[in-house]
C-alpha atoms as a PDB file:
ATOM      1  CA  TYR A   1       0.174   0.013  -0.038  1.00  0.00           C
ATOM      2  CA  MET A   2       1.136   3.453  -0.876  1.00  0.00           C
ATOM      3  CA  GLY A   3      -0.940   6.269   0.584  1.00  0.00           C
ATOM      4  CA  ALA A   4      -0.401  10.017   0.777  1.00  0.00           C
ATOM      5  CA  THR A   5       1.912   9.701   3.688  1.00  0.00           C
ATOM      6  CA  GLU A   6       4.421   7.257   1.959  1.00  0.00           C
ATOM      7  CA  THR A   7       4.307   9.622  -1.031  1.00  0.00           C
ATOM      8  CA  LEU A   8       5.131  12.444   0.938  1.00  0.00           C
ATOM      9  CA  LEU A   9       8.047  10.884   2.945  1.00  0.00           C
ATOM     10  CA  ALA A  10       9.300   9.350  -0.605  1.00  0.00           C
ATOM     11  CA  THR A  11       9.132  12.637  -2.191  1.00  0.00           C
ATOM     12  CA  ALA A  12      10.875  14.501   0.834  1.00  0.00           C
ATOM     13  CA  ALA A  13      13.637  12.103   1.067  1.00  0.00           C
ATOM     14  CA  LEU A  14      14.297  11.744  -2.768  1.00  0.00           C
ATOM     15  CA  GLY A  15      13.734  15.302  -3.159  1.00  0.00           C
ATOM     16  CA  MET A  16      16.751  15.829  -1.138  1.00  0.00           C
ATOM     17  CA  VAL A  17      18.914  13.229  -2.416  1.00  0.00           C
ATOM     18  CA  TYR A  18      18.272  13.932  -6.186  1.00  0.00           C
ATOM     19  CA  PRO A  19      19.625  17.535  -6.104  1.00  0.00           C
ATOM     20  CA  LEU A  20      22.615  16.589  -4.313  1.00  0.00           C
ATOM     21  CA  LEU A  21      23.477  13.924  -7.060  1.00  0.00           C
ATOM     22  CA  CYS A  22      22.386  15.816 -10.145  1.00  0.00           C
ATOM     23  CA  GLY A  23      23.650  19.079  -9.069  1.00  0.00           C
ATOM     24  CA  GLN A  24      20.236  20.962  -9.565  1.00  0.00           C
ATOM     25  CA  PRO A  25      19.446  22.266  -6.447  1.00  0.00           C
ATOM     26  CA  LEU A  26      16.137  24.114  -7.333  1.00  0.00           C
ATOM     27  CA  THR A  27      14.577  20.882  -9.030  1.00  0.00           C
ATOM     28  CA  ILE A  28      11.172  20.438  -7.764  1.00  0.00           C
ATOM     29  CA  MET A  29       9.974  17.076  -7.035  1.00  0.00           C
ATOM     30  CA  GLY A  30       6.289  15.886  -6.681  1.00  0.00           C
ATOM     31  CA  SER A  31       3.463  14.404  -7.492  1.00  0.00           C
ATOM     32  CA  THR A  32       2.111  15.946 -10.561  1.00  0.00           C
ATOM     33  CA  GLY A  33      -0.830  15.420 -12.722  1.00  0.00           C
ATOM     34  CA  PRO A  34       0.877  13.270 -15.380  1.00  0.00           C
ATOM     35  CA  ILE A  35       2.588  11.273 -12.807  1.00  0.00           C
ATOM     36  CA  VAL A  36      -0.483  10.759 -10.890  1.00  0.00           C
ATOM     37  CA  ALA A  37      -2.281   9.450 -14.203  1.00  0.00           C
ATOM     38  CA  TYR A  38       0.638   7.200 -14.754  1.00  0.00           C
ATOM     39  CA  ILE A  39       0.319   5.656 -11.447  1.00  0.00           C
ATOM     40  CA  ILE A  40      -3.201   5.209 -11.734  1.00  0.00           C
ATOM     41  CA  ALA A  41      -2.658   3.909 -15.163  1.00  0.00           C
ATOM     42  CA  LEU A  42      -0.266   1.297 -13.848  1.00  0.00           C
ATOM     43  CA  ARG A  43      -2.117   0.289 -10.960  1.00  0.00           C
ATOM     44  CA  GLY A  44      -5.038  -0.691 -13.107  1.00  0.00           C
ATOM     45  CA  LEU A  45      -2.525  -2.521 -15.313  1.00  0.00           C
ATOM     46  CA  GLY A  46      -1.187  -4.277 -12.325  1.00  0.00           C
ATOM     47  CA  ASN A  47      -4.637  -4.889 -11.053  1.00  0.00           C
ATOM     48  CA  ALA A  48      -5.825  -6.524 -14.335  1.00  0.00           C
ATOM     49  CA  VAL A  49      -2.744  -8.894 -14.818  1.00  0.00           C
ATOM     50  CA  GLY A  50      -2.538  -9.698 -11.161  1.00  0.00           C
ATOM     51  CA  VAL A  51       0.710  -8.437 -10.272  1.00  0.00           C
ATOM     52  CA  ASN A  52       1.450  -6.508  -6.855  1.00  0.00           C
ATOM     53  CA  PHE A  53       1.596  -2.558  -7.462  1.00  0.00           C
ATOM     54  CA  LEU A  54       4.764  -1.778  -5.687  1.00  0.00           C
ATOM     55  CA  PRO A  55       6.918  -4.131  -7.252  1.00  0.00           C
ATOM     56  CA  LEU A  56       5.720  -3.190 -10.641  1.00  0.00           C
ATOM     57  CA  TYR A  57       5.963   0.207  -9.989  1.00  0.00           C
ATOM     58  CA  ALA A  58       9.634  -0.332  -8.781  1.00  0.00           C
ATOM     59  CA  TRP A  59      10.483  -2.234 -11.999  1.00  0.00           C
ATOM     60  CA  SER A  60       9.005   0.241 -13.978  1.00  0.00           C
ATOM     61  CA  GLY A  61      10.954   2.995 -12.369  1.00  0.00           C
ATOM     62  CA  ILE A  62      14.037   0.724 -13.247  1.00  0.00           C
ATOM     63  CA  PHE A  63      12.964   0.444 -16.962  1.00  0.00           C
ATOM     64  CA  LEU A  64      12.284   4.205 -17.316  1.00  0.00           C
ATOM     65  CA  SER A  65      15.651   4.970 -15.723  1.00  0.00           C
ATOM     66  CA  GLY A  66      17.134   2.764 -18.460  1.00  0.00           C
ATOM     67  CA  TYR A  67      15.069   4.453 -20.750  1.00  0.00           C
ATOM     68  CA  LEU A  68      16.083   7.778 -19.974  1.00  0.00           C
ATOM     69  CA  PHE A  69      19.794   7.068 -19.822  1.00  0.00           C
ATOM     70  CA  ILE A  70      19.937   5.758 -23.302  1.00  0.00           C
ATOM     71  CA  GLY A  71      17.787   8.969 -24.371  1.00  0.00           C
ATOM     72  CA  SER A  72      20.225  11.086 -22.683  1.00  0.00           C
ATOM     73  CA  MET A  73      23.136   9.331 -24.787  1.00  0.00           C
ATOM     74  CA  PHE A  74      21.376  10.261 -27.853  1.00  0.00           C
ATOM     75  CA  SER A  75      20.444  13.793 -26.497  1.00  0.00           C
ATOM     76  CA  LEU A  76      16.764  13.062 -27.508  1.00  0.00           C
ATOM     77  CA  SER A  77      15.579  15.863 -25.318  1.00  0.00           C
ATOM     78  CA  ASN A  78      15.855  18.147 -28.290  1.00  0.00           C
ATOM     79  CA  VAL A  79      12.726  16.447 -29.590  1.00  0.00           C
ATOM     80  CA  ILE A  80      10.852  18.780 -27.345  1.00  0.00           C
ATOM     81  CA  ARG A  81      11.132  21.258 -30.064  1.00  0.00           C
ATOM     82  CA  LYS A  82       8.694  19.363 -32.085  1.00  0.00           C
ATOM     83  CA  VAL A  83       5.957  19.500 -29.421  1.00  0.00           C
ATOM     84  CA  THR A  84       3.523  22.188 -30.119  1.00  0.00           C
ATOM     85  CA  ARG A  85       0.971  23.646 -27.864  1.00  0.00           C
ATOM     86  CA  PHE A  86      -1.923  21.574 -29.324  1.00  0.00           C
ATOM     87  CA  THR A  87       0.288  18.350 -28.157  1.00  0.00           C
ATOM     88  CA  GLU A  88       0.119  19.981 -24.623  1.00  0.00           C
ATOM     89  CA  GLU A  89      -3.109  20.695 -24.283  1.00  0.00           C
ATOM     90  CA  LEU A  90      -4.137  17.034 -25.543  1.00  0.00           C
ATOM     91  CA  PHE A  91      -2.009  15.786 -22.746  1.00  0.00           C
ATOM     92  CA  SER A  92      -3.869  17.916 -20.275  1.00  0.00           C
ATOM     93  CA  VAL A  93      -7.180  17.154 -21.710  1.00  0.00           C
ATOM     94  CA  LEU A  94      -5.927  13.382 -20.838  1.00  0.00           C
ATOM     95  CA  VAL A  95      -4.924  13.855 -17.617  1.00  0.00           C
ATOM     96  CA  SER A  96      -8.442  15.816 -17.080  1.00  0.00           C
ATOM     97  CA  VAL A  97     -10.496  13.028 -18.564  1.00  0.00           C
ATOM     98  CA  ILE A  98      -8.650  10.298 -16.079  1.00  0.00           C
ATOM     99  CA  PHE A  99      -9.686  12.359 -13.231  1.00  0.00           C
ATOM    100  CA  ILE A 100     -13.229  12.998 -14.367  1.00  0.00           C
ATOM    101  CA  TYR A 101     -13.899   9.400 -15.006  1.00  0.00           C
ATOM    102  CA  GLN A 102     -12.361   8.227 -11.582  1.00  0.00           C
ATOM    103  CA  ALA A 103     -14.556  10.944  -9.900  1.00  0.00           C
ATOM    104  CA  LEU A 104     -17.674   9.737 -11.903  1.00  0.00           C
ATOM    105  CA  ASP A 105     -16.878   6.163 -11.209  1.00  0.00           C
ATOM    106  CA  TYR A 106     -16.297   6.655  -7.460  1.00  0.00           C
ATOM    107  CA  PHE A 107     -19.732   8.657  -7.077  1.00  0.00           C
ATOM    108  CA  LEU A 108     -21.614   6.088  -8.918  1.00  0.00           C
ATOM    109  CA  GLY A 109     -19.974   3.154  -6.824  1.00  0.00           C
ATOM    110  CA  LEU A 110     -21.616   4.789  -4.178  1.00  0.00           C
ATOM    111  CA  PHE A 111     -24.854   4.295  -5.051  1.00  0.00           C
ATOM    112  CA  THR A 112     -24.354   0.564  -6.343  1.00  0.00           C
ATOM    113  CA  ASP A 113     -22.244  -0.668  -3.443  1.00  0.00           C
ATOM    114  CA  LYS A 114     -24.226  -2.828  -0.940  1.00  0.00           C
ATOM    115  CA  ASP A 115     -21.945  -1.753   2.129  1.00  0.00           C
ATOM    116  CA  VAL A 116     -23.005   1.986   1.526  1.00  0.00           C
ATOM    117  CA  GLY A 117     -26.622   2.885   2.607  1.00  0.00           C
ATOM    118  CA  HIS A 118     -28.739   5.192   0.338  1.00  0.00           C
ATOM    119  CA  GLY A 119     -28.705   8.380   2.921  1.00  0.00           C
ATOM    120  CA  GLU A 120     -24.429   7.918   2.974  1.00  0.00           C
ATOM    121  CA  ALA A 121     -24.434   7.823  -0.814  1.00  0.00           C
ATOM    122  CA  LYS A 122     -26.461  10.933  -0.896  1.00  0.00           C
ATOM    123  CA  ALA A 123     -24.184  12.550   1.689  1.00  0.00           C
ATOM    124  CA  GLY A 124     -20.947  11.681  -0.189  1.00  0.00           C
ATOM    125  CA  LEU A 125     -22.418  13.125  -3.478  1.00  0.00           C
ATOM    126  CA  LEU A 126     -23.569  16.036  -1.647  1.00  0.00           C
ATOM    127  CA  THR A 127     -20.007  16.519  -0.323  1.00  0.00           C
ATOM    128  CA  GLY A 128     -18.250  16.113  -3.475  1.00  0.00           C
ATOM    129  CA  LEU A 129     -20.571  18.557  -5.613  1.00  0.00           C
ATOM    130  CA  LEU A 130     -20.034  21.075  -2.437  1.00  0.00           C
ATOM    131  CA  THR A 131     -16.277  20.766  -2.920  1.00  0.00           C
ATOM    132  CA  PHE A 132     -16.606  20.952  -6.888  1.00  0.00           C
ATOM    133  CA  PHE A 133     -18.773  24.096  -7.023  1.00  0.00           C
ATOM    134  CA  THR A 134     -17.124  25.907  -4.427  1.00  0.00           C
ATOM    135  CA  ALA A 135     -13.497  25.325  -6.030  1.00  0.00           C
ATOM    136  CA  ILE A 136     -15.235  26.555  -9.598  1.00  0.00           C
ATOM    137  CA  SER A 137     -16.803  29.480  -7.837  1.00  0.00           C
ATOM    138  CA  ILE A 138     -14.050  30.935  -5.901  1.00  0.00           C
ATOM    139  CA  ARG A 139     -11.574  30.277  -8.920  1.00  0.00           C
ATOM    140  CA  GLY A 140     -14.276  32.364 -11.135  1.00  0.00           C
ATOM    141  CA  SER A 141     -14.250  35.013  -8.470  1.00  0.00           C
ATOM    142  CA  ARG A 142     -10.962  36.795  -9.571  1.00  0.00           C
ATOM    143  CA  ASN A 143     -12.554  39.254 -11.800  1.00  0.00           C
ATOM    144  CA  GLY A 144     -15.322  39.717  -9.284  1.00  0.00           C
ATOM    145  CA  PRO A 145     -16.504  43.261  -7.745  1.00  0.00           C
ATOM    146  CA  LEU A 146     -15.526  42.086  -4.029  1.00  0.00           C
ATOM    147  CA  PHE A 147     -12.358  43.275  -2.581  1.00  0.00           C
ATOM    148  CA  ASN A 148      -9.171  44.665  -4.547  1.00  0.00           C
ATOM    149  CA  GLN A 149      -7.392  42.650  -7.153  1.00  0.00           C
ATOM    150  CA  TRP A 150      -4.732  41.202  -4.599  1.00  0.00           C
ATOM    151  CA  VAL A 151      -7.044  39.890  -2.219  1.00  0.00           C
ATOM    152  CA  ARG A 152      -8.868  38.088  -5.122  1.00  0.00           C
ATOM    153  CA  ASN A 153      -6.162  36.315  -6.886  1.00  0.00           C
ATOM    154  CA  ARG A 154      -4.944  35.030  -3.400  1.00  0.00           C
ATOM    155  CA  VAL A 155      -8.189  33.698  -2.475  1.00  0.00           C
ATOM    156  CA  ALA A 156      -8.889  32.520  -6.132  1.00  0.00           C
ATOM    157  CA  ASP A 157      -5.207  30.615  -6.040  1.00  0.00           C
ATOM    158  CA  PHE A 158      -6.250  28.654  -2.681  1.00  0.00           C
ATOM    159  CA  ALA A 159     -10.024  27.844  -4.163  1.00  0.00           C
ATOM    160  CA  PRO A 160      -9.131  24.031  -4.061  1.00  0.00           C
ATOM    161  CA  VAL A 161      -8.025  24.404  -0.765  1.00  0.00           C
ATOM    162  CA  ILE A 162     -10.859  26.319   0.369  1.00  0.00           C
ATOM    163  CA  ALA A 163     -13.302  23.859  -1.182  1.00  0.00           C
ATOM    164  CA  ILE A 164     -11.570  20.925   0.299  1.00  0.00           C
ATOM    165  CA  GLY A 165     -11.751  22.396   3.914  1.00  0.00           C
ATOM    166  CA  LEU A 166     -15.562  23.365   3.287  1.00  0.00           C
ATOM    167  CA  GLY A 167     -15.998  19.892   2.046  1.00  0.00           C
ATOM    168  CA  LEU A 168     -14.399  18.150   5.126  1.00  0.00           C
ATOM    169  CA  GLY A 169     -16.203  20.409   7.308  1.00  0.00           C
ATOM    170  CA  LEU A 170     -19.597  19.257   5.685  1.00  0.00           C
ATOM    171  CA  SER A 171     -18.714  15.608   6.050  1.00  0.00           C
ATOM    172  CA  TRP A 172     -17.857  15.936   9.937  1.00  0.00           C
ATOM    173  CA  ILE A 173     -21.072  17.874  10.087  1.00  0.00           C
ATOM    174  CA  LEU A 174     -22.834  14.792   8.548  1.00  0.00           C
ATOM    175  CA  ILE A 175     -21.067  12.377  10.535  1.00  0.00           C
ATOM    176  CA  GLY A 176     -21.309  14.057  14.120  1.00  0.00           C
ATOM    177  CA  HIS A 177     -24.785  15.465  13.835  1.00  0.00           C
ATOM    178  CA  TYR A 178     -26.655  13.250  11.522  1.00  0.00           C
ATOM    179  CA  GLY A 179     -24.909  10.051  12.462  1.00  0.00           C
ATOM    180  CA  ILE A 180     -23.901   9.111   8.740  1.00  0.00           C
ATOM    181  CA  GLU A 181     -21.256   6.842   9.597  1.00  0.00           C
ATOM    182  CA  LYS A 182     -19.445   7.018   6.233  1.00  0.00           C
ATOM    183  CA  VAL A 183     -18.631  10.080   4.198  1.00  0.00           C
ATOM    184  CA  ASP A 184     -15.566   9.386   2.119  1.00  0.00           C
ATOM    185  CA  LEU A 185     -13.906  12.482   0.149  1.00  0.00           C
END
């Protein structure tokens, strides 16, 4: 199992080792959209063929390091000049579709899971919709009439964090006040 804690610890440890070995102190290491999409696809592949995820993830990392070594020997990084804005946007759409599909699969799964009650499924859907629409609303307030531009920009920059905080608050209210057992974000 590799959860958020393990990912943060691995990123922190390797984020200190990598710049020391590579001589690039300003390199930012972390899980970005494409990396998360790759991990999700790799996990699905591992589940489909019946292979444990962590060994598969380790071997794919070893394979990719060899591939990158060969690519660096032939200076294949120069191919980046051929990448157009369309290619970048197409890849962004792919990552977005993966996340949207997973969200829809999760929320539809709440209503089909036998272990989740109908009230709990509706509470989970309500929490997810509140989080989504709050993030979209706050993000769109960048050009609104309230406050000055600096304050609006700062609030809009933290729209996902604010939305997740409100979603967590709602789930705690639903759990504590109404006795709903399971509201999972």
